[in-house]
Protein backbone atom coordinates (compact mmCIF):
# COMPACT_ATOMS: atom_id res chain seq x y z
CA MET A 1 16.54 34.88 4.54
CA LYS A 2 13.56 33.89 2.32
CA HIS A 3 15.74 31.32 0.57
CA LYS A 4 16.69 29.74 3.92
CA LEU A 5 13.03 29.67 5.06
CA GLY A 6 11.95 28.12 1.79
CA LEU A 7 14.72 25.49 2.04
CA MET A 8 13.69 24.68 5.64
CA VAL A 9 10.04 24.22 4.54
CA LEU A 10 11.15 22.00 1.67
CA MET A 11 13.29 19.90 3.99
CA ILE A 12 10.36 19.38 6.39
CA PHE A 13 8.06 18.59 3.42
CA LEU A 14 10.46 15.97 2.13
CA ALA A 15 11.47 14.54 5.54
CA GLY A 16 8.15 13.01 6.39
CA CYS A 17 7.56 9.29 6.49
CA ALA A 18 6.03 6.96 3.97
CA THR A 19 2.56 5.64 4.80
CA GLU A 20 2.68 2.87 7.34
CA TYR A 21 0.90 -0.44 7.07
CA ALA A 22 -2.29 0.38 8.87
CA PRO A 23 -6.02 0.70 8.20
CA SER A 24 -6.99 3.84 6.28
CA TYR A 25 -10.00 5.07 8.25
CA GLY A 26 -10.79 7.20 5.15
CA GLY A 27 -7.26 8.39 4.46
CA ASP A 28 -3.90 6.78 3.69
CA GLY A 29 -3.43 3.09 4.41
CA TYR A 30 -5.32 -0.08 3.44
CA SER A 31 -9.01 -0.81 3.22
CA GLU A 32 -10.89 -3.81 1.95
CA THR A 33 -14.38 -4.83 0.91
CA GLN A 34 -15.60 -8.37 0.98
CA LEU A 35 -17.34 -9.14 -2.22
CA SER A 36 -18.24 -12.74 -1.59
CA GLU A 37 -17.23 -15.55 0.79
CA THR A 38 -13.87 -15.86 -0.89
CA SER A 39 -13.50 -12.60 -2.85
CA PHE A 40 -12.11 -9.29 -1.68
CA GLN A 41 -11.26 -5.90 -3.12
CA ILE A 42 -8.19 -4.39 -1.38
CA THR A 43 -6.93 -0.81 -1.75
CA PHE A 44 -3.74 0.68 -0.38
CA ARG A 45 -3.34 4.50 -0.55
CA GLY A 46 -0.04 6.04 0.12
CA ASN A 47 1.11 9.56 0.91
CA THR A 48 3.66 11.63 -1.10
CA LYS A 49 6.59 9.72 0.63
CA THR A 50 5.23 6.28 -0.40
CA THR A 51 6.73 4.64 -3.44
CA PRO A 52 4.54 2.80 -5.86
CA GLU A 53 6.45 -0.38 -4.97
CA ARG A 54 5.62 0.06 -1.30
CA ALA A 55 1.98 0.67 -2.09
CA TYR A 56 1.84 -2.57 -4.13
CA ASP A 57 3.68 -4.56 -1.46
CA PHE A 58 1.33 -3.31 1.27
CA ALA A 59 -1.70 -4.18 -0.88
CA MET A 60 -0.27 -7.65 -1.25
CA LEU A 61 0.51 -7.94 2.40
CA ARG A 62 -3.07 -7.10 3.20
CA ALA A 63 -4.28 -9.76 0.72
CA ALA A 64 -2.04 -12.39 2.45
CA GLU A 65 -3.23 -11.44 5.89
CA ILE A 66 -6.89 -11.59 4.83
CA ALA A 67 -6.30 -15.13 3.39
CA ILE A 68 -4.58 -16.33 6.56
CA SER A 69 -7.28 -14.79 8.76
CA LYS A 70 -9.92 -16.68 6.77
CA GLY A 71 -8.05 -19.95 7.04
CA LYS A 72 -6.97 -20.14 3.41
CA GLN A 73 -3.45 -21.05 2.37
CA PHE A 74 -3.50 -19.45 -1.06
CA PHE A 75 -4.87 -16.41 -2.92
CA LYS A 76 -4.98 -15.36 -6.50
CA VAL A 77 -4.92 -11.76 -7.79
CA SER A 78 -7.70 -11.51 -10.32
CA SER A 79 -7.25 -7.85 -11.12
CA LEU A 80 -4.74 -5.13 -10.33
CA ALA A 81 -5.01 -1.39 -10.87
CA SER A 82 -2.45 1.16 -9.87
CA GLY A 83 -2.25 4.94 -10.18
CA ASP A 84 -2.34 8.07 -8.12
CA ASN A 85 -4.93 9.12 -5.49
CA GLY A 86 -4.04 12.75 -5.90
CA MET A 87 -1.16 15.06 -5.29
CA ALA A 88 0.10 17.19 -2.41
CA GLY A 89 2.67 19.92 -2.46
CA ALA A 90 4.07 23.10 -1.09
CA MET A 91 4.98 26.59 -2.34
CA ILE A 92 8.71 27.04 -2.15
CA ASN A 93 10.10 30.48 -3.30
CA GLY A 94 7.08 31.02 -5.47
CA ALA A 95 7.20 27.59 -7.08
CA PHE A 96 4.70 24.81 -6.32
CA ILE A 97 6.48 21.50 -5.69
CA ALA A 98 4.01 18.61 -6.09
CA LYS A 99 4.36 14.95 -5.39
CA LYS A 100 1.98 12.20 -6.37
CA LYS A 101 0.31 9.86 -3.86
CA PRO A 102 0.27 6.20 -5.15
CA GLU A 103 -2.70 3.85 -4.94
CA VAL A 104 -3.02 0.21 -5.64
CA ALA A 105 -6.30 -1.83 -5.85
CA LEU A 106 -6.38 -5.54 -6.02
CA SER A 107 -9.21 -8.03 -6.44
CA ILE A 108 -8.37 -11.38 -4.87
CA LYS A 109 -9.86 -14.82 -4.57
CA LEU A 110 -9.04 -16.89 -1.52
CA LEU A 111 -8.21 -20.58 -2.24
CA GLU A 112 -7.90 -23.76 -0.18
CA LYS A 113 -5.25 -25.22 -2.46
CA LYS A 114 -2.97 -24.13 -5.28
CA THR A 115 -5.02 -24.38 -8.48
CA SER A 116 -2.54 -22.76 -10.90
CA ASP A 117 0.99 -21.33 -11.13
CA ASP A 118 -0.29 -17.75 -10.40
CA CYS A 119 -1.69 -18.73 -7.03
CA LEU A 120 0.34 -17.20 -4.15
CA GLU A 121 1.04 -18.86 -0.79
CA ALA A 122 -0.27 -16.36 1.77
CA ALA A 123 2.15 -17.26 4.56
CA PHE A 124 5.17 -16.83 2.25
CA VAL A 125 3.92 -13.48 0.87
CA ARG A 126 3.29 -12.21 4.38
CA LYS A 127 6.68 -13.33 5.67
CA SER A 128 8.67 -11.93 2.78
CA ILE A 129 7.01 -8.53 2.71
CA ARG A 130 7.27 -8.12 6.45
CA ALA A 131 10.98 -9.00 6.19
CA LYS A 132 11.56 -6.57 3.35
CA TYR A 133 10.18 -3.67 5.40
CA GLN A 134 11.64 -4.96 8.68
CA MET A 135 8.15 -5.21 10.22
CA THR A 136 7.63 -7.39 13.30
CA GLU A 137 5.34 -10.34 13.05
CA SER A 138 1.98 -9.59 14.53
């Protein structure tokens, strides 16, 4: 009986959804800080179901959407940091099962025109990431 209960708890723990693309409001999701007229710091924090790739993609999606909202066609990532924003877990049959929560932080510069090969076209980035995750255009 204990084994079945532990298995059910583990299934519920693992069956949750990855963090959605939404503002964080102090928890999981994206947040940004404007550093200057054309510079932003963007952070995306995922939950234990979020892959590092998804966290990176959603940070990039936020960067593209900020550029578009500010009337800029391009942006450039000037720094990137990724890691974990903690762990979460559950006790299953006396064993603690932990999963990491990915976090990605980007510093970006908004640009009027493409100034180098590492500049990204905001509309293209937005469209491709939204298509990858089957997100509707907003």
